[in-house]
Amino acid sequence: MDLQRYLARRPPDYPDTIALGSCLRAMVEAGLDRLPLPGSGHTLERFQRLAQVGGHDLGLCKLYEGHTDAQAIIEQLGGTPTPGSTWGMWAAEPPQARVKVTPAGHMGLLNGRKAWCSGASVLSHALLTAWDSNDQQQLVAVALDQPGVRITDQGWYAVGMGATGSVEVVFEDVEGQAIGRPGDYLQRPGFWQGGIGIAACWYGAARQLAESLRQHCAQREEPHALAHLGAVDSALQAAADVLRFSALQIDAHPEANAELLARRARAVVEQSAESVIREVGRALGAGPFCKDRHFAGLVADLPVFLRQSHAERDLAALGQLVTRQADEVWSL
């Protein structure tokens, strides 16, 4: 089944993590999670599908993006995801929540606490970052139905993106399988390529918010609303252009370091999405915030999802990269 048609048949109203998990499982069963890998020649299609889910519901998109990202990483590093499984990609590394992995035969044993584990209570598996005895980061695939996995109710008090249930998970002698070698998570080309996929999710939600304003202006021509629509159009066009360009670059150079490309794309799409939120809100007033459930959900969720960007810290990192480029860095 076509992803867009599937989403159109489902009301974009998922009250809790259980509802999101049920929808993700249904999408997996329908084969709608089989996205082209980044750099496969069809990267734009991958971004388009992520944007489609983002425009439908950002909570679902968070789980869907994590699931498809985990699948891509496992395949890129020579593994095979378990058929019919649903995956989380848990790579946050706050100082107070780090998981250790120690060898145990052909497997490893996980111990510690992991934070920001989206969908923990409804997923079958997770791909997570852990730390070995040499203090090197190692990706580990783990089945979540083991006795030593304790899903807490801690660390998640969100209103926006609340249904994702991004709680803390405690591991006590839990078996996991190493995926790739230590350091592969950050060193592989797919790390930054996947970061652009996150921006595609932001774009999809912003585009859907903008559609409310476009439809409003199509019904009545109000000069101020049209001016806001013009601002929204220019912001979204810039975001779409940079995502298309990024997809072309990834497909043309799949093994290249995509950090500069990704940081630029994420910065442009983030700024565009924030502009859309502002312009649409000023144009339409309180009405859709209060009376349109789909709009209200997206506008509550998107600012939280955007904070996967680190704002000025990411811009400073981009600026540092730009200082190392040749003089013609901005030439046409």
C-alpha atoms as a PDB file:
ATOM      1  CA  MET A   1       0.000   0.000   0.000  1.00  0.00           C
ATOM      2  CA  ASP A   2       1.140   3.568  -0.721  1.00  0.00           C
ATOM      3  CA  LEU A   3       2.283   5.400   2.427  1.00  0.00           C
ATOM      4  CA  GLN A   4       0.385   8.589   1.650  1.00  0.00           C
ATOM      5  CA  ARG A   5      -2.880   6.704   1.095  1.00  0.00           C
ATOM      6  CA  TYR A   6      -2.351   4.701   4.279  1.00  0.00           C
ATOM      7  CA  LEU A   7      -1.875   7.833   6.359  1.00  0.00           C
ATOM      8  CA  ALA A   8      -4.876   9.537   4.761  1.00  0.00           C
ATOM      9  CA  ARG A   9      -7.069   6.704   6.031  1.00  0.00           C
ATOM     10  CA  ARG A  10      -5.948   7.177   9.645  1.00  0.00           C
ATOM     11  CA  PRO A  11      -7.114  10.086  11.802  1.00  0.00           C
ATOM     12  CA  PRO A  12      -4.014  12.006  12.968  1.00  0.00           C
ATOM     13  CA  ASP A  13      -4.943  11.692  16.633  1.00  0.00           C
ATOM     14  CA  TYR A  14      -2.806   9.359  18.735  1.00  0.00           C
ATOM     15  CA  PRO A  15      -3.629   9.886  22.400  1.00  0.00           C
ATOM     16  CA  ASP A  16      -0.778   7.882  23.888  1.00  0.00           C
ATOM     17  CA  THR A  17       2.273   5.745  23.297  1.00  0.00           C
ATOM     18  CA  ILE A  18       0.173   2.601  22.931  1.00  0.00           C
ATOM     19  CA  ALA A  19      -1.693   4.109  19.977  1.00  0.00           C
ATOM     20  CA  LEU A  20       1.569   5.188  18.340  1.00  0.00           C
ATOM     21  CA  GLY A  21       3.078   1.744  18.835  1.00  0.00           C
ATOM     22  CA  SER A  22       0.028   0.062  17.338  1.00  0.00           C
ATOM     23  CA  CYS A  23       0.203   2.257  14.253  1.00  0.00           C
ATOM     24  CA  LEU A  24       3.953   1.681  13.831  1.00  0.00           C
ATOM     25  CA  ARG A  25       3.459  -2.090  14.016  1.00  0.00           C
ATOM     26  CA  ALA A  26       0.704  -1.877  11.404  1.00  0.00           C
ATOM     27  CA  MET A  27       3.015   0.114   9.128  1.00  0.00           C
ATOM     28  CA  VAL A  28       5.750  -2.485   9.550  1.00  0.00           C
ATOM     29  CA  GLU A  29       3.316  -5.307   8.765  1.00  0.00           C
ATOM     30  CA  ALA A  30       2.235  -3.440   5.616  1.00  0.00           C
ATOM     31  CA  GLY A  31       5.866  -3.015   4.524  1.00  0.00           C
ATOM     32  CA  LEU A  32       5.647   0.785   4.764  1.00  0.00           C
ATOM     33  CA  ASP A  33       8.892   0.973   6.750  1.00  0.00           C
ATOM     34  CA  ARG A  34      11.038  -0.242   3.859  1.00  0.00           C
ATOM     35  CA  LEU A  35      12.653   3.015   2.834  1.00  0.00           C
ATOM     36  CA  PRO A  36      15.539   3.410   0.387  1.00  0.00           C
ATOM     37  CA  LEU A  37      18.857   3.571   2.203  1.00  0.00           C
ATOM     38  CA  PRO A  38      20.671   6.919   2.227  1.00  0.00           C
ATOM     39  CA  GLY A  39      23.066   7.067  -0.706  1.00  0.00           C
ATOM     40  CA  SER A  40      21.207   4.352  -2.607  1.00  0.00           C
ATOM     41  CA  GLY A  41      20.249   6.648  -5.477  1.00  0.00           C
ATOM     42  CA  HIS A  42      16.787   7.246  -4.009  1.00  0.00           C
ATOM     43  CA  THR A  43      17.596   9.376  -0.957  1.00  0.00           C
ATOM     44  CA  LEU A  44      15.010  12.000  -1.899  1.00  0.00           C
ATOM     45  CA  GLU A  45      12.309   9.323  -1.733  1.00  0.00           C
ATOM     46  CA  ARG A  46      13.457   8.511   1.803  1.00  0.00           C
ATOM     47  CA  PHE A  47      13.190  12.179   2.778  1.00  0.00           C
ATOM     48  CA  GLN A  48       9.785  12.484   1.106  1.00  0.00           C
ATOM     49  CA  ARG A  49       8.354   9.583   3.090  1.00  0.00           C
ATOM     50  CA  LEU A  50       9.706  10.925   6.364  1.00  0.00           C
ATOM     51  CA  ALA A  51       8.125  14.285   5.528  1.00  0.00           C
ATOM     52  CA  GLN A  52       4.792  12.589   4.787  1.00  0.00           C
ATOM     53  CA  VAL A  53       4.713  10.975   8.218  1.00  0.00           C
ATOM     54  CA  GLY A  54       5.864  14.246   9.812  1.00  0.00           C
ATOM     55  CA  GLY A  55       2.912  16.092   8.288  1.00  0.00           C
ATOM     56  CA  HIS A  56       0.547  13.417   9.577  1.00  0.00           C
ATOM     57  CA  ASP A  57       1.714  13.232  13.206  1.00  0.00           C
ATOM     58  CA  LEU A  58       5.076  14.102  14.711  1.00  0.00           C
ATOM     59  CA  GLY A  59       4.818  11.591  17.548  1.00  0.00           C
ATOM     60  CA  LEU A  60       4.354   8.811  15.019  1.00  0.00           C
ATOM     61  CA  CYS A  61       7.106  10.337  12.906  1.00  0.00           C
ATOM     62  CA  LYS A  62       9.511  10.253  15.839  1.00  0.00           C
ATOM     63  CA  LEU A  63       8.992   6.497  16.267  1.00  0.00           C
ATOM     64  CA  TYR A  64       8.942   5.876  12.501  1.00  0.00           C
ATOM     65  CA  GLU A  65      12.152   7.831  11.908  1.00  0.00           C
ATOM     66  CA  GLY A  66      13.906   6.044  14.779  1.00  0.00           C
ATOM     67  CA  HIS A  67      12.755   2.649  13.505  1.00  0.00           C
ATOM     68  CA  THR A  68      13.821   3.281   9.907  1.00  0.00           C
ATOM     69  CA  ASP A  69      17.102   4.860  11.025  1.00  0.00           C
ATOM     70  CA  ALA A  70      17.945   1.822  13.155  1.00  0.00           C
ATOM     71  CA  GLN A  71      17.167  -0.473  10.227  1.00  0.00           C
ATOM     72  CA  ALA A  72      19.404   1.554   7.915  1.00  0.00           C
ATOM     73  CA  ILE A  73      22.286   1.575  10.399  1.00  0.00           C
ATOM     74  CA  ILE A  74      22.107  -2.185  10.951  1.00  0.00           C
ATOM     75  CA  GLU A  75      22.124  -2.811   7.199  1.00  0.00           C
ATOM     76  CA  GLN A  76      24.945  -0.319   6.613  1.00  0.00           C
ATOM     77  CA  LEU A  77      27.061  -2.112   9.231  1.00  0.00           C
ATOM     78  CA  GLY A  78      26.445  -5.566   7.843  1.00  0.00           C
ATOM     79  CA  GLY A  79      23.578  -6.787  10.016  1.00  0.00           C
ATOM     80  CA  THR A  80      19.992  -7.867   9.324  1.00  0.00           C
ATOM     81  CA  PRO A  81      17.045  -6.529  11.369  1.00  0.00           C
ATOM     82  CA  THR A  82      14.680  -9.142  12.790  1.00  0.00           C
ATOM     83  CA  PRO A  83      11.654  -9.456  10.442  1.00  0.00           C
ATOM     84  CA  GLY A  84       8.508  -7.846  11.834  1.00  0.00           C
ATOM     85  CA  SER A  85      10.383  -6.073  14.622  1.00  0.00           C
ATOM     86  CA  THR A  86       9.943  -2.454  15.666  1.00  0.00           C
ATOM     87  CA  TRP A  87      13.068  -0.543  16.615  1.00  0.00           C
ATOM     88  CA  GLY A  88      14.120   2.429  18.649  1.00  0.00           C
ATOM     89  CA  MET A  89      17.343   4.299  17.924  1.00  0.00           C
ATOM     90  CA  TRP A  90      18.601   5.469  21.313  1.00  0.00           C
ATOM     91  CA  ALA A  91      21.851   7.409  21.076  1.00  0.00           C
ATOM     92  CA  ALA A  92      21.463  10.243  23.604  1.00  0.00           C
ATOM     93  CA  GLU A  93      24.453  10.390  25.957  1.00  0.00           C
ATOM     94  CA  PRO A  94      23.749  12.641  28.955  1.00  0.00           C
ATOM     95  CA  PRO A  95      26.470  12.290  31.627  1.00  0.00           C
ATOM     96  CA  GLN A  96      24.107  10.805  34.217  1.00  0.00           C
ATOM     97  CA  ALA A  97      22.732   8.076  31.916  1.00  0.00           C
ATOM     98  CA  ARG A  98      25.309   5.871  30.207  1.00  0.00           C
ATOM     99  CA  VAL A  99      25.135   2.158  29.526  1.00  0.00           C
ATOM    100  CA  LYS A 100      28.162  -0.128  29.817  1.00  0.00           C
ATOM    101  CA  VAL A 101      28.651  -3.250  27.698  1.00  0.00           C
ATOM    102  CA  THR A 102      30.911  -6.149  28.716  1.00  0.00           C
ATOM    103  CA  PRO A 103      31.713  -9.236  26.608  1.00  0.00           C
ATOM    104  CA  ALA A 104      29.744 -12.406  27.371  1.00  0.00           C
ATOM    105  CA  GLY A 105      30.500 -15.119  24.825  1.00  0.00           C
ATOM    106  CA  HIS A 106      29.329 -14.045  21.374  1.00  0.00           C
ATOM    107  CA  MET A 107      27.017 -11.463  22.992  1.00  0.00           C
ATOM    108  CA  GLY A 108      27.496  -8.568  25.385  1.00  0.00           C
ATOM    109  CA  LEU A 109      25.888  -7.728  28.704  1.00  0.00           C
ATOM    110  CA  LEU A 110      24.361  -4.281  29.153  1.00  0.00           C
ATOM    111  CA  ASN A 111      24.192  -2.468  32.474  1.00  0.00           C
ATOM    112  CA  GLY A 112      23.177   1.089  33.176  1.00  0.00           C
ATOM    113  CA  ARG A 113      20.533   3.700  32.484  1.00  0.00           C
ATOM    114  CA  LYS A 114      19.599   5.099  29.064  1.00  0.00           C
ATOM    115  CA  ALA A 115      17.745   8.415  28.708  1.00  0.00           C
ATOM    116  CA  TRP A 116      15.386   9.760  26.019  1.00  0.00           C
ATOM    117  CA  CYS A 117      14.222   6.282  24.931  1.00  0.00           C
ATOM    118  CA  SER A 118      11.320   7.132  22.617  1.00  0.00           C
ATOM    119  CA  GLY A 119       8.623   4.473  22.388  1.00  0.00           C
ATOM    120  CA  ALA A 120      10.347   2.228  24.950  1.00  0.00           C
ATOM    121  CA  SER A 121       7.122   0.679  26.228  1.00  0.00           C
ATOM    122  CA  VAL A 122       5.809  -0.329  22.781  1.00  0.00           C
ATOM    123  CA  LEU A 123       8.872  -1.356  20.747  1.00  0.00           C
ATOM    124  CA  SER A 124      10.268  -4.858  20.373  1.00  0.00           C
ATOM    125  CA  HIS A 125      13.939  -3.924  19.932  1.00  0.00           C
ATOM    126  CA  ALA A 126      16.366  -1.062  20.335  1.00  0.00           C
ATOM    127  CA  LEU A 127      19.678  -0.098  18.782  1.00  0.00           C
ATOM    128  CA  LEU A 128      21.562   1.903  21.376  1.00  0.00           C
ATOM    129  CA  THR A 129      24.946   3.364  22.100  1.00  0.00           C
ATOM    130  CA  ALA A 130      26.885   1.818  24.982  1.00  0.00           C
ATOM    131  CA  TRP A 131      30.465   2.056  26.237  1.00  0.00           C
ATOM    132  CA  ASP A 132      32.950  -0.793  26.372  1.00  0.00           C
ATOM    133  CA  SER A 133      35.807  -1.427  28.820  1.00  0.00           C
ATOM    134  CA  ASN A 134      38.110   0.782  26.711  1.00  0.00           C
ATOM    135  CA  ASP A 135      35.626   3.657  26.987  1.00  0.00           C
ATOM    136  CA  GLN A 136      34.777   3.382  23.297  1.00  0.00           C
ATOM    137  CA  GLN A 137      31.256   3.832  22.020  1.00  0.00           C
ATOM    138  CA  GLN A 138      29.679   0.637  20.682  1.00  0.00           C
ATOM    139  CA  LEU A 139      26.310   0.140  18.988  1.00  0.00           C
ATOM    140  CA  VAL A 140      24.329  -2.707  20.504  1.00  0.00           C
ATOM    141  CA  ALA A 141      21.082  -4.313  19.300  1.00  0.00           C
ATOM    142  CA  VAL A 142      18.868  -5.540  22.119  1.00  0.00           C
ATOM    143  CA  ALA A 143      15.501  -7.271  22.408  1.00  0.00           C
ATOM    144  CA  LEU A 144      13.383  -5.386  24.926  1.00  0.00           C
ATOM    145  CA  ASP A 145      11.383  -8.357  26.214  1.00  0.00           C
ATOM    146  CA  GLN A 146      14.207  -9.545  28.486  1.00  0.00           C
ATOM    147  CA  PRO A 147      13.729  -9.662  32.284  1.00  0.00           C
ATOM    148  CA  GLY A 148      16.616  -7.265  32.904  1.00  0.00           C
ATOM    149  CA  VAL A 149      15.026  -4.433  30.907  1.00  0.00           C
ATOM    150  CA  ARG A 150      13.164  -2.044  33.226  1.00  0.00           C
ATOM    151  CA  ILE A 151      11.180   0.690  31.514  1.00  0.00           C
ATOM    152  CA  THR A 152      10.683   3.488  34.029  1.00  0.00           C
ATOM    153  CA  ASP A 153       8.180   6.322  34.121  1.00  0.00           C
ATOM    154  CA  GLN A 154      10.992   8.804  34.717  1.00  0.00           C
ATOM    155  CA  GLY A 155      12.523  11.586  32.660  1.00  0.00           C
ATOM    156  CA  TRP A 156       9.554  12.543  30.476  1.00  0.00           C
ATOM    157  CA  TYR A 157       7.051  15.252  31.390  1.00  0.00           C
ATOM    158  CA  ALA A 158       6.505  16.683  27.920  1.00  0.00           C
ATOM    159  CA  VAL A 159       3.260  18.126  26.593  1.00  0.00           C
ATOM    160  CA  GLY A 160       4.481  18.528  23.016  1.00  0.00           C
ATOM    161  CA  MET A 161       5.644  15.104  21.751  1.00  0.00           C
ATOM    162  CA  GLY A 162       4.233  13.680  24.981  1.00  0.00           C
ATOM    163  CA  ALA A 163       2.791  10.551  23.361  1.00  0.00           C
ATOM    164  CA  THR A 164       6.249   9.308  22.314  1.00  0.00           C
ATOM    165  CA  GLY A 165       6.897   8.197  25.897  1.00  0.00           C
ATOM    166  CA  SER A 166      10.598   9.041  25.740  1.00  0.00           C
ATOM    167  CA  VAL A 167      11.380   7.709  29.218  1.00  0.00           C
ATOM    168  CA  GLU A 168      14.512   6.368  30.858  1.00  0.00           C
ATOM    169  CA  VAL A 169      15.279   2.642  30.616  1.00  0.00           C
ATOM    170  CA  VAL A 170      17.436   0.660  33.053  1.00  0.00           C
ATOM    171  CA  PHE A 171      19.426  -2.373  31.869  1.00  0.00           C
ATOM    172  CA  GLU A 172      20.589  -5.028  34.333  1.00  0.00           C
ATOM    173  CA  ASP A 173      22.653  -7.857  32.765  1.00  0.00           C
ATOM    174  CA  VAL A 174      20.716  -7.640  29.516  1.00  0.00           C
ATOM    175  CA  GLU A 175      22.048  -9.514  26.484  1.00  0.00           C
ATOM    176  CA  GLY A 176      22.781  -7.505  23.364  1.00  0.00           C
ATOM    177  CA  GLN A 177      24.572  -8.015  20.066  1.00  0.00           C
ATOM    178  CA  ALA A 178      27.321  -5.644  18.964  1.00  0.00           C
ATOM    179  CA  ILE A 179      26.617  -3.988  15.618  1.00  0.00           C
ATOM    180  CA  GLY A 180      29.737  -2.878  13.789  1.00  0.00           C
ATOM    181  CA  ARG A 181      32.937  -1.913  15.539  1.00  0.00           C
ATOM    182  CA  PRO A 182      33.539   0.610  18.336  1.00  0.00           C
ATOM    183  CA  GLY A 183      33.172   4.138  16.985  1.00  0.00           C
ATOM    184  CA  ASP A 184      31.214   3.127  13.875  1.00  0.00           C
ATOM    185  CA  TYR A 185      28.049   4.977  14.898  1.00  0.00           C
ATOM    186  CA  LEU A 186      29.613   8.423  14.540  1.00  0.00           C
ATOM    187  CA  GLN A 187      32.285   7.595  11.964  1.00  0.00           C
ATOM    188  CA  ARG A 188      30.079   6.056   9.250  1.00  0.00           C
ATOM    189  CA  PRO A 189      28.830   8.363   6.436  1.00  0.00           C
ATOM    190  CA  GLY A 190      25.246   7.528   7.358  1.00  0.00           C
ATOM    191  CA  PHE A 191      25.433   9.450  10.638  1.00  0.00           C
ATOM    192  CA  TRP A 192      25.195  12.880   9.032  1.00  0.00           C
ATOM    193  CA  GLN A 193      23.001  11.591   6.221  1.00  0.00           C
ATOM    194  CA  GLY A 194      20.509  10.466   8.864  1.00  0.00           C
ATOM    195  CA  GLY A 195      20.661  13.889  10.479  1.00  0.00           C
ATOM    196  CA  ILE A 196      19.210  15.366   7.298  1.00  0.00           C
ATOM    197  CA  GLY A 197      16.389  12.833   7.551  1.00  0.00           C
ATOM    198  CA  ILE A 198      15.415  14.460  10.863  1.00  0.00           C
ATOM    199  CA  ALA A 199      15.178  17.788   9.027  1.00  0.00           C
ATOM    200  CA  ALA A 200      12.821  16.167   6.514  1.00  0.00           C
ATOM    201  CA  CYS A 201      10.525  15.303   9.433  1.00  0.00           C
ATOM    202  CA  TRP A 202      10.546  18.947  10.554  1.00  0.00           C
ATOM    203  CA  TYR A 203       9.821  20.034   7.015  1.00  0.00           C
ATOM    204  CA  GLY A 204       6.818  17.738   6.690  1.00  0.00           C
ATOM    205  CA  ALA A 205       5.176  19.167   9.798  1.00  0.00           C
ATOM    206  CA  ALA A 206       5.906  22.775   8.794  1.00  0.00           C
ATOM    207  CA  ARG A 207       4.486  22.148   5.318  1.00  0.00           C
ATOM    208  CA  GLN A 208       1.257  20.807   6.827  1.00  0.00           C
ATOM    209  CA  LEU A 209       0.896  23.848   9.083  1.00  0.00           C
ATOM    210  CA  ALA A 210       1.456  26.073   6.057  1.00  0.00           C
ATOM    211  CA  GLU A 211      -1.295  24.253   4.182  1.00  0.00           C
ATOM    212  CA  SER A 212      -3.830  25.592   6.694  1.00  0.00           C
ATOM    213  CA  LEU A 213      -2.813  29.127   5.773  1.00  0.00           C
ATOM    214  CA  ARG A 214      -2.808  28.405   2.033  1.00  0.00           C
ATOM    215  CA  GLN A 215      -6.346  27.036   2.203  1.00  0.00           C
ATOM    216  CA  HIS A 216      -7.457  30.015   4.269  1.00  0.00           C
ATOM    217  CA  CYS A 217      -6.070  32.444   1.694  1.00  0.00           C
ATOM    218  CA  ALA A 218      -7.620  30.490  -1.181  1.00  0.00           C
ATOM    219  CA  GLN A 219     -11.058  31.095   0.360  1.00  0.00           C
ATOM    220  CA  ARG A 220     -10.640  34.780   1.171  1.00  0.00           C
ATOM    221  CA  GLU A 221      -7.978  37.209  -0.007  1.00  0.00           C
ATOM    222  CA  GLU A 222      -6.858  39.160   3.035  1.00  0.00           C
ATOM    223  CA  PRO A 223      -3.798  41.342   2.336  1.00  0.00           C
ATOM    224  CA  HIS A 224      -2.050  40.613   5.623  1.00  0.00           C
ATOM    225  CA  ALA A 225      -2.723  36.886   5.452  1.00  0.00           C
ATOM    226  CA  LEU A 226      -1.397  36.846   1.873  1.00  0.00           C
ATOM    227  CA  ALA A 227       1.759  38.596   3.037  1.00  0.00           C
ATOM    228  CA  HIS A 228       2.220  35.942   5.701  1.00  0.00           C
ATOM    229  CA  LEU A 229       1.625  33.263   3.073  1.00  0.00           C
ATOM    230  CA  GLY A 230       4.314  34.808   0.886  1.00  0.00           C
ATOM    231  CA  ALA A 231       6.765  34.667   3.781  1.00  0.00           C
ATOM    232  CA  VAL A 232       5.806  31.047   4.458  1.00  0.00           C
ATOM    233  CA  ASP A 233       6.217  30.111   0.809  1.00  0.00           C
ATOM    234  CA  SER A 234       9.720  31.551   0.586  1.00  0.00           C
ATOM    235  CA  ALA A 235      10.744  29.784   3.809  1.00  0.00           C
ATOM    236  CA  LEU A 236       9.384  26.417   2.698  1.00  0.00           C
ATOM    237  CA  GLN A 237      10.855  26.765  -0.784  1.00  0.00           C
ATOM    238  CA  ALA A 238      14.298  27.313   0.718  1.00  0.00           C
ATOM    239  CA  ALA A 239      13.854  24.261   2.940  1.00  0.00           C
ATOM    240  CA  ALA A 240      12.621  22.068   0.081  1.00  0.00           C
ATOM    241  CA  ASP A 241      15.472  23.181  -2.167  1.00  0.00           C
ATOM    242  CA  VAL A 242      18.129  22.364   0.415  1.00  0.00           C
ATOM    243  CA  LEU A 243      16.608  18.934   1.105  1.00  0.00           C
ATOM    244  CA  ARG A 244      16.501  18.117  -2.609  1.00  0.00           C
ATOM    245  CA  PHE A 245      20.075  19.315  -3.084  1.00  0.00           C
ATOM    246  CA  SER A 246      21.209  17.323  -0.056  1.00  0.00           C
ATOM    247  CA  ALA A 247      19.602  14.154  -1.420  1.00  0.00           C
ATOM    248  CA  LEU A 248      21.365  14.641  -4.762  1.00  0.00           C
ATOM    249  CA  GLN A 249      24.717  15.193  -3.048  1.00  0.00           C
ATOM    250  CA  ILE A 250      24.340  12.129  -0.849  1.00  0.00           C
ATOM    251  CA  ASP A 251      23.487   9.958  -3.847  1.00  0.00           C
ATOM    252  CA  ALA A 252      26.380  11.370  -5.865  1.00  0.00           C
ATOM    253  CA  HIS A 253      28.891  10.953  -3.001  1.00  0.00           C
ATOM    254  CA  PRO A 254      27.492   8.263  -0.667  1.00  0.00           C
ATOM    255  CA  GLU A 255      30.805   7.688   1.149  1.00  0.00           C
ATOM    256  CA  ALA A 256      31.701  11.352   1.608  1.00  0.00           C
ATOM    257  CA  ASN A 257      31.686  13.159   4.944  1.00  0.00           C
ATOM    258  CA  ALA A 258      28.291  14.896   4.936  1.00  0.00           C
ATOM    259  CA  GLU A 259      28.735  16.982   8.092  1.00  0.00           C
ATOM    260  CA  LEU A 260      28.836  20.371   6.350  1.00  0.00           C
ATOM    261  CA  LEU A 261      25.936  19.380   4.109  1.00  0.00           C
ATOM    262  CA  ALA A 262      23.874  18.184   7.077  1.00  0.00           C
ATOM    263  CA  ARG A 263      24.584  21.142   9.333  1.00  0.00           C
ATOM    264  CA  ARG A 264      23.603  23.548   6.570  1.00  0.00           C
ATOM    265  CA  ALA A 265      20.432  21.628   5.734  1.00  0.00           C
ATOM    266  CA  ARG A 266      19.347  21.341   9.342  1.00  0.00           C
ATOM    267  CA  ALA A 267      19.969  25.036   9.966  1.00  0.00           C
ATOM    268  CA  VAL A 268      17.947  26.095   6.922  1.00  0.00           C
ATOM    269  CA  VAL A 269      15.037  23.756   7.657  1.00  0.00           C
ATOM    270  CA  GLU A 270      14.981  24.664  11.352  1.00  0.00           C
ATOM    271  CA  GLN A 271      14.838  28.378  10.575  1.00  0.00           C
ATOM    272  CA  SER A 272      12.180  27.772   7.932  1.00  0.00           C
ATOM    273  CA  ALA A 273      10.026  25.730  10.318  1.00  0.00           C
ATOM    274  CA  GLU A 274      10.275  28.359  13.034  1.00  0.00           C
ATOM    275  CA  SER A 275       9.304  31.015  10.497  1.00  0.00           C
ATOM    276  CA  VAL A 276       6.279  28.973   9.424  1.00  0.00           C
ATOM    277  CA  ILE A 277       5.091  28.565  13.014  1.00  0.00           C
ATOM    278  CA  ARG A 278       5.348  32.319  13.564  1.00  0.00           C
ATOM    279  CA  GLU A 279       3.792  33.456  10.278  1.00  0.00           C
ATOM    280  CA  VAL A 280       0.916  30.973  10.282  1.00  0.00           C
ATOM    281  CA  GLY A 281       0.058  31.776  13.873  1.00  0.00           C
ATOM    282  CA  ARG A 282       0.000  35.522  13.251  1.00  0.00           C
ATOM    283  CA  ALA A 283      -2.084  35.089  10.120  1.00  0.00           C
ATOM    284  CA  LEU A 284      -4.725  32.694  11.466  1.00  0.00           C
ATOM    285  CA  GLY A 285      -5.001  33.764  15.085  1.00  0.00           C
ATOM    286  CA  ALA A 286      -6.176  31.513  17.911  1.00  0.00           C
ATOM    287  CA  GLY A 287      -8.786  29.589  15.906  1.00  0.00           C
ATOM    288  CA  PRO A 288      -6.796  26.614  14.606  1.00  0.00           C
ATOM    289  CA  PHE A 289      -4.766  26.416  17.817  1.00  0.00           C
ATOM    290  CA  CYS A 290      -7.987  25.843  19.737  1.00  0.00           C
ATOM    291  CA  LYS A 291     -10.407  24.227  17.273  1.00  0.00           C
ATOM    292  CA  ASP A 292      -8.312  22.185  14.809  1.00  0.00           C
ATOM    293  CA  ARG A 293      -6.977  19.080  16.579  1.00  0.00           C
ATOM    294  CA  HIS A 294      -4.488  18.190  13.828  1.00  0.00           C
ATOM    295  CA  PHE A 295      -3.087  21.719  13.636  1.00  0.00           C
ATOM    296  CA  ALA A 296      -2.935  22.050  17.413  1.00  0.00           C
ATOM    297  CA  GLY A 297      -1.055  18.761  17.747  1.00  0.00           C
ATOM    298  CA  LEU A 298       1.529  19.671  15.121  1.00  0.00           C
ATOM    299  CA  VAL A 299       2.101  23.162  16.477  1.00  0.00           C
ATOM    300  CA  ALA A 300       2.580  21.773  20.002  1.00  0.00           C
ATOM    301  CA  ASP A 301       4.895  18.971  18.875  1.00  0.00           C
ATOM    302  CA  LEU A 302       7.068  20.754  16.313  1.00  0.00           C
ATOM    303  CA  PRO A 303       8.915  23.140  18.680  1.00  0.00           C
ATOM    304  CA  VAL A 304       9.864  20.159  20.857  1.00  0.00           C
ATOM    305  CA  PHE A 305      11.027  18.073  17.882  1.00  0.00           C
ATOM    306  CA  LEU A 306      13.035  21.041  16.590  1.00  0.00           C
ATOM    307  CA  ARG A 307      15.047  20.979  19.787  1.00  0.00           C
ATOM    308  CA  GLN A 308      16.881  17.953  18.482  1.00  0.00           C
ATOM    309  CA  SER A 309      18.840  20.812  17.021  1.00  0.00           C
ATOM    310  CA  HIS A 310      21.171  22.425  19.534  1.00  0.00           C
ATOM    311  CA  ALA A 311      20.440  25.947  18.282  1.00  0.00           C
ATOM    312  CA  GLU A 312      23.434  28.291  18.559  1.00  0.00           C
ATOM    313  CA  ARG A 313      25.792  25.442  19.419  1.00  0.00           C
ATOM    314  CA  ASP A 314      24.988  23.817  16.078  1.00  0.00           C
ATOM    315  CA  LEU A 315      25.313  27.154  14.283  1.00  0.00           C
ATOM    316  CA  ALA A 316      28.709  27.707  15.920  1.00  0.00           C
ATOM    317  CA  ALA A 317      29.820  24.266  14.742  1.00  0.00           C
ATOM    318  CA  LEU A 318      28.632  25.159  11.247  1.00  0.00           C
ATOM    319  CA  GLY A 319      30.532  28.415  11.382  1.00  0.00           C
ATOM    320  CA  GLN A 320      33.687  26.572  12.417  1.00  0.00           C
ATOM    321  CA  LEU A 321      33.329  24.236   9.434  1.00  0.00           C
ATOM    322  CA  VAL A 322      32.841  27.195   7.095  1.00  0.00           C
ATOM    323  CA  THR A 323      36.103  28.823   8.248  1.00  0.00           C
ATOM    324  CA  ARG A 324      37.957  25.768   6.944  1.00  0.00           C
ATOM    325  CA  GLN A 325      36.464  25.937   3.460  1.00  0.00           C
ATOM    326  CA  ALA A 326      38.019  27.447   0.346  1.00  0.00           C
ATOM    327  CA  ASP A 327      37.367  31.086  -0.574  1.00  0.00           C
ATOM    328  CA  GLU A 328      34.696  30.107  -3.109  1.00  0.00           C
ATOM    329  CA  VAL A 329      32.541  28.455  -0.424  1.00  0.00           C
ATOM    330  CA  TRP A 330      29.504  30.580  -1.364  1.00  0.00           C
ATOM    331  CA  SER A 331      30.062  30.962  -5.100  1.00  0.00           C
ATOM    332  CA  LEU A 332      27.196  30.189  -7.489  1.00  0.00           C
END
